[in-house]
Amino acid sequence: MSAIILYWILLMSAIGFILMGYDKRKAINHEWRIRERTLWLVALFGGGIGSYIGMRIFRHKTQHTSFVFGLPAIAVIYAVISLAIY
């Protein structure tokens, strides 16, 4: 069961990272964007670590206070859960 949780966090983190990069590219090109609600849901359901890393690498959503403080908090929670399971 614990391996499943770790794989879930890894999968959702990869999705969160990809979505941040994809949304940043769409923002640069002034195209259709991913809803913030979707980005938050991915982060909350296991993708906090990847979403935070994506935010920092792609410099995306760094002007939004909720993302600047919320994503690191979620990432820490999932990092602690991952370390506790591992």
C-alpha atoms as a PDB file:
ATOM      1  CA  MET A   1       0.000   0.000   0.000  1.00  0.00           C
ATOM      2  CA  SER A   2       2.786   2.440   0.855  1.00  0.00           C
ATOM      3  CA  ALA A   3       4.453   1.833  -2.531  1.00  0.00           C
ATOM      4  CA  ILE A   4       1.197   2.745  -4.253  1.00  0.00           C
ATOM      5  CA  ILE A   5       1.064   6.048  -2.370  1.00  0.00           C
ATOM      6  CA  LEU A   6       4.662   6.856  -3.329  1.00  0.00           C
ATOM      7  CA  TYR A   7       3.989   6.044  -6.983  1.00  0.00           C
ATOM      8  CA  TRP A   8       0.832   8.168  -6.857  1.00  0.00           C
ATOM      9  CA  ILE A   9       2.765  11.154  -5.488  1.00  0.00           C
ATOM     10  CA  LEU A  10       5.442  10.639  -8.150  1.00  0.00           C
ATOM     11  CA  LEU A  11       2.866  10.432 -10.960  1.00  0.00           C
ATOM     12  CA  MET A  12       0.899  13.462  -9.785  1.00  0.00           C
ATOM     13  CA  SER A  13       4.104  15.440  -9.272  1.00  0.00           C
ATOM     14  CA  ALA A  14       5.139  14.685 -12.847  1.00  0.00           C
ATOM     15  CA  ILE A  15       1.714  15.811 -14.061  1.00  0.00           C
ATOM     16  CA  GLY A  16       1.920  18.985 -11.951  1.00  0.00           C
ATOM     17  CA  PHE A  17       5.374  19.788 -13.329  1.00  0.00           C
ATOM     18  CA  ILE A  18       4.248  19.232 -16.921  1.00  0.00           C
ATOM     19  CA  LEU A  19       1.101  21.318 -16.444  1.00  0.00           C
ATOM     20  CA  MET A  20       3.089  24.246 -15.075  1.00  0.00           C
ATOM     21  CA  GLY A  21       5.400  24.197 -18.085  1.00  0.00           C
ATOM     22  CA  TYR A  22       2.521  23.760 -20.505  1.00  0.00           C
ATOM     23  CA  ASP A  23       0.519  26.610 -18.972  1.00  0.00           C
ATOM     24  CA  LYS A  24       3.582  28.874 -19.003  1.00  0.00           C
ATOM     25  CA  ARG A  25       4.093  28.202 -22.722  1.00  0.00           C
ATOM     26  CA  LYS A  26       0.418  28.932 -23.375  1.00  0.00           C
ATOM     27  CA  ALA A  27       0.689  32.188 -21.395  1.00  0.00           C
ATOM     28  CA  ILE A  28       3.707  33.316 -23.417  1.00  0.00           C
ATOM     29  CA  ASN A  29       1.863  32.615 -26.681  1.00  0.00           C
ATOM     30  CA  HIS A  30      -1.362  34.296 -25.466  1.00  0.00           C
ATOM     31  CA  GLU A  31      -3.316  31.085 -25.985  1.00  0.00           C
ATOM     32  CA  TRP A  32      -5.940  29.143 -24.059  1.00  0.00           C
ATOM     33  CA  ARG A  33      -4.795  28.515 -20.469  1.00  0.00           C
ATOM     34  CA  ILE A  34      -5.207  25.838 -17.852  1.00  0.00           C
ATOM     35  CA  ARG A  35      -7.569  26.914 -15.092  1.00  0.00           C
ATOM     36  CA  GLU A  36      -5.946  27.758 -11.777  1.00  0.00           C
ATOM     37  CA  ARG A  37      -8.423  25.434 -10.116  1.00  0.00           C
ATOM     38  CA  THR A  38      -6.989  22.542 -12.142  1.00  0.00           C
ATOM     39  CA  LEU A  39      -3.434  23.436 -11.121  1.00  0.00           C
ATOM     40  CA  TRP A  40      -4.501  23.543  -7.481  1.00  0.00           C
ATOM     41  CA  LEU A  41      -6.362  20.237  -7.671  1.00  0.00           C
ATOM     42  CA  VAL A  42      -3.349  18.466  -9.153  1.00  0.00           C
ATOM     43  CA  ALA A  43      -1.170  19.915  -6.392  1.00  0.00           C
ATOM     44  CA  LEU A  44      -3.632  18.978  -3.653  1.00  0.00           C
ATOM     45  CA  PHE A  45      -4.140  15.420  -4.879  1.00  0.00           C
ATOM     46  CA  GLY A  46      -0.469  14.497  -4.734  1.00  0.00           C
ATOM     47  CA  GLY A  47       1.318  16.778  -7.178  1.00  0.00           C
ATOM     48  CA  GLY A  48       2.480  19.481  -4.800  1.00  0.00           C
ATOM     49  CA  ILE A  49       6.169  18.716  -5.138  1.00  0.00           C
ATOM     50  CA  GLY A  50       6.192  18.679  -8.940  1.00  0.00           C
ATOM     51  CA  SER A  51       3.933  21.715  -9.173  1.00  0.00           C
ATOM     52  CA  TYR A  52       6.233  23.692  -6.889  1.00  0.00           C
ATOM     53  CA  ILE A  53       9.338  22.636  -8.812  1.00  0.00           C
ATOM     54  CA  GLY A  54       7.584  23.551 -12.065  1.00  0.00           C
ATOM     55  CA  MET A  55       6.595  26.921 -10.670  1.00  0.00           C
ATOM     56  CA  ARG A  56      10.217  27.671  -9.791  1.00  0.00           C
ATOM     57  CA  ILE A  57      11.829  26.284 -12.965  1.00  0.00           C
ATOM     58  CA  PHE A  58       9.350  27.823 -15.415  1.00  0.00           C
ATOM     59  CA  ARG A  59       8.923  30.991 -13.305  1.00  0.00           C
ATOM     60  CA  HIS A  60       5.193  30.566 -13.577  1.00  0.00           C
ATOM     61  CA  LYS A  61       2.573  31.887 -11.137  1.00  0.00           C
ATOM     62  CA  THR A  62       5.319  33.541  -9.094  1.00  0.00           C
ATOM     63  CA  GLN A  63       3.338  36.787  -8.849  1.00  0.00           C
ATOM     64  CA  HIS A  64       0.336  35.044  -7.292  1.00  0.00           C
ATOM     65  CA  THR A  65       0.595  35.150  -3.506  1.00  0.00           C
ATOM     66  CA  SER A  66      -1.580  32.067  -3.116  1.00  0.00           C
ATOM     67  CA  PHE A  67       0.804  30.037  -5.297  1.00  0.00           C
ATOM     68  CA  VAL A  68       3.970  31.509  -3.756  1.00  0.00           C
ATOM     69  CA  PHE A  69       2.917  30.447  -0.257  1.00  0.00           C
ATOM     70  CA  GLY A  70       0.452  27.642  -0.953  1.00  0.00           C
ATOM     71  CA  LEU A  71       2.494  25.410  -3.260  1.00  0.00           C
ATOM     72  CA  PRO A  72       5.548  25.244  -0.978  1.00  0.00           C
ATOM     73  CA  ALA A  73       3.278  24.327   1.943  1.00  0.00           C
ATOM     74  CA  ILE A  74       1.644  21.542  -0.047  1.00  0.00           C
ATOM     75  CA  ALA A  75       5.052  20.374  -1.308  1.00  0.00           C
ATOM     76  CA  VAL A  76       6.357  20.138   2.264  1.00  0.00           C
ATOM     77  CA  ILE A  77       3.335  18.099   3.315  1.00  0.00           C
ATOM     78  CA  TYR A  78       3.848  15.603   0.490  1.00  0.00           C
ATOM     79  CA  ALA A  79       7.606  15.493   1.090  1.00  0.00           C
ATOM     80  CA  VAL A  80       6.993  14.625   4.741  1.00  0.00           C
ATOM     81  CA  ILE A  81       4.446  11.979   3.770  1.00  0.00           C
ATOM     82  CA  SER A  82       6.878  10.504   1.230  1.00  0.00           C
ATOM     83  CA  LEU A  83       9.748  10.424   3.701  1.00  0.00           C
ATOM     84  CA  ALA A  84       7.558   8.901   6.395  1.00  0.00           C
ATOM     85  CA  ILE A  85       6.476   6.119   4.043  1.00  0.00           C
ATOM     86  CA  TYR A  86       9.945   5.565   2.596  1.00  0.00           C
END
